[in-house]
C-alpha atoms as a PDB file:
ATOM      1  CA  GLY A   1      58.068  52.736  36.902  1.00  0.00           C
ATOM      2  CA  LYS A   2      58.737  49.621  34.864  1.00  0.00           C
ATOM      3  CA  VAL A   3      60.593  46.655  36.227  1.00  0.00           C
ATOM      4  CA  ASN A   4      60.999  43.588  34.008  1.00  0.00           C
ATOM      5  CA  ASP A   5      58.255  44.925  31.701  1.00  0.00           C
ATOM      6  CA  GLN A   6      55.646  44.865  34.503  1.00  0.00           C
ATOM      7  CA  GLU A   7      54.168  48.003  35.949  1.00  0.00           C
ATOM      8  CA  HIS A   8      54.137  48.310  39.723  1.00  0.00           C
ATOM      9  CA  THR A   9      52.031  50.908  41.470  1.00  0.00           C
ATOM     10  CA  THR A  10      51.689  51.634  45.116  1.00  0.00           C
ATOM     11  CA  LYS A  11      48.196  52.476  46.274  1.00  0.00           C
ATOM     12  CA  VAL A  12      48.233  55.369  48.707  1.00  0.00           C
ATOM     13  CA  GLU A  13      45.287  55.399  51.086  1.00  0.00           C
ATOM     14  CA  LYS A  14      43.956  58.883  51.535  1.00  0.00           C
ATOM     15  CA  TYR A  15      41.404  57.858  54.183  1.00  0.00           C
ATOM     16  CA  ALA A  16      41.665  55.869  57.387  1.00  0.00           C
ATOM     17  CA  THR A  17      41.308  52.088  57.085  1.00  0.00           C
ATOM     18  CA  LEU A  18      39.908  49.537  59.499  1.00  0.00           C
ATOM     19  CA  GLY A  19      41.115  46.015  60.220  1.00  0.00           C
ATOM     20  CA  ARG A  20      38.734  43.109  60.825  1.00  0.00           C
ATOM     21  CA  ILE A  21      36.767  43.030  64.043  1.00  0.00           C
ATOM     22  CA  SER A  22      36.510  39.697  65.807  1.00  0.00           C
ATOM     23  CA  ASP A  23      33.341  37.815  66.707  1.00  0.00           C
ATOM     24  CA  VAL A  24      31.547  38.779  69.902  1.00  0.00           C
ATOM     25  CA  ASP A  25      30.124  36.528  72.614  1.00  0.00           C
ATOM     26  CA  PRO A  26      26.342  36.201  72.919  1.00  0.00           C
ATOM     27  CA  ILE A  27      24.736  38.393  75.580  1.00  0.00           C
ATOM     28  CA  CYS A  28      21.575  38.407  77.656  1.00  0.00           C
ATOM     29  CA  GLN A  29      19.124  41.142  76.709  1.00  0.00           C
ATOM     30  CA  ASP A  30      19.429  44.469  78.545  1.00  0.00           C
ATOM     31  CA  THR A  31      23.124  43.938  79.284  1.00  0.00           C
ATOM     32  CA  GLU A  32      26.256  45.478  77.787  1.00  0.00           C
ATOM     33  CA  VAL A  33      28.147  43.886  74.896  1.00  0.00           C
ATOM     34  CA  GLU A  34      31.915  43.525  75.188  1.00  0.00           C
ATOM     35  CA  LEU A  35      33.011  45.453  72.105  1.00  0.00           C
ATOM     36  CA  PRO A  36      36.140  44.119  70.365  1.00  0.00           C
ATOM     37  CA  SER A  37      39.153  46.279  69.588  1.00  0.00           C
ATOM     38  CA  VAL A  38      39.254  47.833  66.122  1.00  0.00           C
ATOM     39  CA  PRO A  39      42.610  48.090  64.363  1.00  0.00           C
ATOM     40  CA  THR A  40      42.599  51.552  62.730  1.00  0.00           C
ATOM     41  CA  THR A  41      45.216  53.010  60.412  1.00  0.00           C
ATOM     42  CA  GLN A  42      45.000  56.732  59.834  1.00  0.00           C
ATOM     43  CA  ALA A  43      46.289  57.949  56.454  1.00  0.00           C
ATOM     44  CA  ASN A  44      48.768  60.829  56.326  1.00  0.00           C
ATOM     45  CA  GLY A  45      46.945  64.135  56.174  1.00  0.00           C
ATOM     46  CA  SER A  46      43.558  62.636  56.990  1.00  0.00           C
ATOM     47  CA  THR A  47      41.451  63.369  60.040  1.00  0.00           C
ATOM     48  CA  ILE A  48      38.815  61.261  61.744  1.00  0.00           C
ATOM     49  CA  SER A  49      35.746  63.280  62.626  1.00  0.00           C
ATOM     50  CA  TYR A  50      33.791  60.535  64.394  1.00  0.00           C
ATOM     51  CA  ARG A  51      34.015  56.881  65.419  1.00  0.00           C
ATOM     52  CA  LYS A  52      30.992  54.823  66.449  1.00  0.00           C
ATOM     53  CA  TRP A  53      29.629  51.348  66.919  1.00  0.00           C
ATOM     54  CA  MET A  54      26.462  50.434  65.034  1.00  0.00           C
ATOM     55  CA  LEU A  55      23.985  47.660  65.848  1.00  0.00           C
ATOM     56  CA  ASP A  56      21.399  47.017  63.138  1.00  0.00           C
ATOM     57  CA  GLY A  57      21.787  50.650  62.042  1.00  0.00           C
ATOM     58  CA  GLU A  58      21.529  52.207  65.521  1.00  0.00           C
ATOM     59  CA  GLU A  59      24.489  53.760  67.298  1.00  0.00           C
ATOM     60  CA  ILE A  60      25.577  52.055  70.540  1.00  0.00           C
ATOM     61  CA  THR A  61      28.348  52.606  73.074  1.00  0.00           C
ATOM     62  CA  ALA A  62      30.276  50.240  75.350  1.00  0.00           C
ATOM     63  CA  SER A  63      27.802  51.061  78.137  1.00  0.00           C
ATOM     64  CA  SER A  64      24.634  50.608  76.025  1.00  0.00           C
ATOM     65  CA  LYS A  65      22.169  48.082  77.424  1.00  0.00           C
ATOM     66  CA  ILE A  66      21.180  46.014  74.374  1.00  0.00           C
ATOM     67  CA  PRO A  67      17.443  45.283  74.191  1.00  0.00           C
ATOM     68  CA  TYR A  68      16.028  42.153  72.584  1.00  0.00           C
ATOM     69  CA  THR A  69      14.648  43.019  69.154  1.00  0.00           C
ATOM     70  CA  LYS A  70      15.652  39.754  67.482  1.00  0.00           C
ATOM     71  CA  GLU A  71      18.061  36.926  68.269  1.00  0.00           C
ATOM     72  CA  GLU A  72      20.708  37.822  65.675  1.00  0.00           C
ATOM     73  CA  GLN A  73      21.726  41.451  65.161  1.00  0.00           C
ATOM     74  CA  LYS A  74      24.466  42.895  62.933  1.00  0.00           C
ATOM     75  CA  LEU A  75      27.278  44.781  64.673  1.00  0.00           C
ATOM     76  CA  TRP A  76      29.914  46.930  62.948  1.00  0.00           C
ATOM     77  CA  TYR A  77      32.252  49.835  63.574  1.00  0.00           C
ATOM     78  CA  GLN A  78      32.417  52.906  61.418  1.00  0.00           C
ATOM     79  CA  LEU A  79      34.239  56.179  61.265  1.00  0.00           C
ATOM     80  CA  GLN A  80      34.249  59.278  59.125  1.00  0.00           C
ATOM     81  CA  SER A  81      37.595  60.097  57.557  1.00  0.00           C
ATOM     82  CA  THR A  82      38.335  63.429  55.893  1.00  0.00           C
ATOM     83  CA  CYS A  83      41.210  64.299  53.599  1.00  0.00           C
ATOM     84  CA  GLY A  84      41.223  67.861  52.263  1.00  0.00           C
ATOM     85  CA  ASN A  85      37.617  68.671  51.368  1.00  0.00           C
ATOM     86  CA  SER A  86      36.578  65.100  50.652  1.00  0.00           C
ATOM     87  CA  THR A  87      35.002  62.822  53.245  1.00  0.00           C
ATOM     88  CA  GLN A  88      34.380  59.105  53.381  1.00  0.00           C
ATOM     89  CA  ILE A  89      32.546  56.836  55.827  1.00  0.00           C
ATOM     90  CA  VAL A  90      34.682  53.745  56.489  1.00  0.00           C
ATOM     91  CA  LYS A  91      32.927  50.612  57.796  1.00  0.00           C
ATOM     92  CA  SER A  92      34.422  47.504  59.363  1.00  0.00           C
ATOM     93  CA  ASN A  93      33.257  43.987  58.604  1.00  0.00           C
ATOM     94  CA  GLU A  94      29.939  43.021  60.184  1.00  0.00           C
ATOM     95  CA  VAL A  95      29.753  40.394  62.920  1.00  0.00           C
ATOM     96  CA  THR A  96      26.651  38.750  64.347  1.00  0.00           C
ATOM     97  CA  LEU A  97      25.677  39.592  67.905  1.00  0.00           C
ATOM     98  CA  LYS A  98      23.360  36.971  69.391  1.00  0.00           C
ATOM     99  CA  VAL A  99      21.013  38.399  72.014  1.00  0.00           C
ATOM    100  CA  ASP A 100      19.308  35.958  74.386  1.00  0.00           C
ATOM    101  CA  GLN A 101      15.880  36.687  75.860  1.00  0.00           C
ATOM    102  CA  ILE A 102      15.266  36.613  79.604  1.00  0.00           C
ATOM    103  CA  PRO A 103      13.070  33.550  80.237  1.00  0.00           C
ATOM    104  CA  THR A 104       9.564  33.666  81.653  1.00  0.00           C
ATOM    105  CA  PRO A 105       9.669  33.670  85.492  1.00  0.00           C
ATOM    106  CA  ALA A 106       9.078  30.104  86.741  1.00  0.00           C
ATOM    107  CA  VAL A 107       5.999  29.371  88.875  1.00  0.00           C
ATOM    108  CA  ALA A 108       5.923  25.726  90.061  1.00  0.00           C
ATOM    109  CA  GLY A 109       2.402  25.983  91.459  1.00  0.00           C
ATOM    110  CA  PRO A 110       1.134  25.487  95.007  1.00  0.00           C
ATOM    111  CA  ASP A 111       2.473  22.941  97.492  1.00  0.00           C
ATOM    112  CA  GLN A 112       0.201  19.884  97.610  1.00  0.00           C
ATOM    113  CA  THR A 113      -0.752  17.555 100.471  1.00  0.00           C
ATOM    114  CA  GLN A 114      -2.780  14.385  99.971  1.00  0.00           C
ATOM    115  CA  CYS A 115      -3.805  11.331 101.970  1.00  0.00           C
ATOM    116  CA  ASN A 116      -2.722   7.848 100.858  1.00  0.00           C
ATOM    117  CA  ASN A 117      -2.310   8.935  97.233  1.00  0.00           C
ATOM    118  CA  ASP A 118       1.086   8.907  95.504  1.00  0.00           C
ATOM    119  CA  GLU A 119      -0.116  10.764  92.357  1.00  0.00           C
ATOM    120  CA  PHE A 120       0.024  14.561  92.074  1.00  0.00           C
ATOM    121  CA  LYS A 121      -1.130  16.752  89.150  1.00  0.00           C
ATOM    122  CA  MET A 122       1.400  19.550  88.685  1.00  0.00           C
ATOM    123  CA  ALA A 123       0.351  23.143  87.961  1.00  0.00           C
ATOM    124  CA  ALA A 124       3.446  24.988  86.745  1.00  0.00           C
ATOM    125  CA  ASN A 125       3.282  27.862  84.293  1.00  0.00           C
ATOM    126  CA  VAL A 126       3.849  27.361  80.566  1.00  0.00           C
ATOM    127  CA  PRO A 127       6.852  29.498  79.519  1.00  0.00           C
ATOM    128  CA  GLN A 128       6.214  32.174  76.891  1.00  0.00           C
ATOM    129  CA  ILE A 129       9.991  32.594  76.548  1.00  0.00           C
ATOM    130  CA  GLY A 130      12.385  29.710  77.183  1.00  0.00           C
ATOM    131  CA  THR A 131      12.000  26.028  77.997  1.00  0.00           C
ATOM    132  CA  GLY A 132      10.634  24.518  81.220  1.00  0.00           C
ATOM    133  CA  MET A 133      12.021  21.395  82.902  1.00  0.00           C
ATOM    134  CA  TRP A 134      11.140  19.569  86.136  1.00  0.00           C
ATOM    135  CA  SER A 135      13.807  18.099  88.418  1.00  0.00           C
ATOM    136  CA  VAL A 136      13.578  16.269  91.745  1.00  0.00           C
ATOM    137  CA  VAL A 137      15.464  17.579  94.772  1.00  0.00           C
ATOM    138  CA  GLY A 138      17.209  14.681  96.497  1.00  0.00           C
ATOM    139  CA  GLU A 139      17.127  11.007  95.643  1.00  0.00           C
ATOM    140  CA  SER A 140      13.429  10.179  95.284  1.00  0.00           C
ATOM    141  CA  VAL A 141      12.568   8.022  92.285  1.00  0.00           C
ATOM    142  CA  LEU A 142       9.410   9.424  90.717  1.00  0.00           C
ATOM    143  CA  SER A 143       7.626   9.002  87.422  1.00  0.00           C
ATOM    144  CA  TYR A 144       6.890  12.253  85.531  1.00  0.00           C
ATOM    145  CA  GLU A 145       7.365  14.033  82.178  1.00  0.00           C
ATOM    146  CA  LYS A 146      10.344  16.371  82.615  1.00  0.00           C
ATOM    147  CA  GLY A 147       9.218  19.021  80.096  1.00  0.00           C
ATOM    148  CA  ASN A 148       5.462  19.013  80.860  1.00  0.00           C
ATOM    149  CA  PRO A 149       4.386  21.815  83.256  1.00  0.00           C
ATOM    150  CA  LYS A 150       1.114  19.958  84.003  1.00  0.00           C
ATOM    151  CA  THR A 151       2.643  16.469  84.338  1.00  0.00           C
ATOM    152  CA  LEU A 152       1.272  13.788  86.617  1.00  0.00           C
ATOM    153  CA  VAL A 153       3.887  12.892  89.256  1.00  0.00           C
ATOM    154  CA  LYS A 154       3.646   9.291  90.476  1.00  0.00           C
ATOM    155  CA  GLY A 155       5.490   7.502  93.259  1.00  0.00           C
ATOM    156  CA  VAL A 156       5.607   9.929  96.200  1.00  0.00           C
ATOM    157  CA  PRO A 157       6.169   7.518  99.129  1.00  0.00           C
ATOM    158  CA  GLU A 158       3.582   7.402 101.906  1.00  0.00           C
ATOM    159  CA  THR A 159       4.446   9.584 104.929  1.00  0.00           C
ATOM    160  CA  GLU A 160       7.013  11.509 102.889  1.00  0.00           C
ATOM    161  CA  SER A 161       7.409  14.880 101.216  1.00  0.00           C
ATOM    162  CA  VAL A 162       9.270  15.413  97.959  1.00  0.00           C
ATOM    163  CA  ASP A 163      10.444  18.715  96.462  1.00  0.00           C
ATOM    164  CA  LEU A 164      10.404  19.342  92.726  1.00  0.00           C
ATOM    165  CA  VAL A 165      11.912  22.367  90.986  1.00  0.00           C
ATOM    166  CA  TRP A 166      10.434  23.914  87.828  1.00  0.00           C
ATOM    167  CA  THR A 167      13.276  25.600  85.909  1.00  0.00           C
ATOM    168  CA  ILE A 168      12.739  27.817  82.871  1.00  0.00           C
ATOM    169  CA  SER A 169      15.923  28.296  80.861  1.00  0.00           C
ATOM    170  CA  SER A 170      16.618  30.803  78.098  1.00  0.00           C
ATOM    171  CA  LYS A 171      16.997  29.660  74.484  1.00  0.00           C
ATOM    172  CA  LEU A 172      20.738  30.340  74.206  1.00  0.00           C
ATOM    173  CA  GLY A 173      21.524  29.613  77.866  1.00  0.00           C
ATOM    174  CA  VAL A 174      23.159  33.023  78.324  1.00  0.00           C
ATOM    175  CA  CYS A 175      20.476  34.643  80.514  1.00  0.00           C
ATOM    176  CA  ASP A 176      19.995  33.293  84.045  1.00  0.00           C
ATOM    177  CA  ALA A 177      17.374  30.568  84.378  1.00  0.00           C
ATOM    178  CA  SER A 178      14.346  31.092  86.619  1.00  0.00           C
ATOM    179  CA  THR A 179      13.421  28.455  89.218  1.00  0.00           C
ATOM    180  CA  SER A 180      10.480  27.726  91.512  1.00  0.00           C
ATOM    181  CA  LYS A 181      10.063  24.893  94.054  1.00  0.00           C
ATOM    182  CA  VAL A 182       6.958  22.916  95.010  1.00  0.00           C
ATOM    183  CA  THR A 183       6.574  20.391  97.867  1.00  0.00           C
ATOM    184  CA  LEU A 184       4.401  17.294  97.427  1.00  0.00           C
ATOM    185  CA  THR A 185       3.360  15.513 100.635  1.00  0.00           C
ATOM    186  CA  ASN A 186       1.687  12.079 100.772  1.00  0.00           C
ATOM    187  CA  ASN A 187       0.322  11.702 104.317  1.00  0.00           C
ATOM    188  CA  ASN A 188      -0.738   8.380 105.796  1.00  0.00           C
ATOM    189  CA  CYS A 189      -4.280   9.290 106.835  1.00  0.00           C
ATOM    190  CA  THR A 190      -6.508   6.790 108.623  1.00  0.00           C
ATOM    191  CA  ASN A 191     -10.240   7.133 109.011  1.00  0.00           C
ATOM    192  CA  PHE A 192     -11.549   6.584 112.535  1.00  0.00           C
END
């Protein structure tokens, strides 16, 4: 009707409607995503014939293990709503699901023992996935390049052993890091 010379109409939804879905936390590949709740309003006289989660066009469930195909994937919820003999697919907003890759397993290289030489050439693996970083176990003060798998370690005290750990971390820091330890020993050897 007319009120104050302005026409007012009420839109009647004949299909179900979806509220906004919230952002999701990043996950490590091959794990489950915590799917957010989806506010759904069903219109009078309509039926919902299916509800499903979609990830980059593929259907997933709450127990789906999400593989790594790319770092950012689009996630949305959709349903099919029917009213009489007409049907409509209703989609939610899309959110970005970030999927982290499991890092390359760390291999620090073999333990090394030398005589009267405080310099050791490291032999860790170069990560194909993730970033590698050396760290010293304990309080030894050594000279080395933290991010170089083949670094030269200087300053291992005579008659001592020092442990270093090669850690390969994932890009997003969601997947567990991989670690490997190596022991460097600088013996005091005397020639007789």
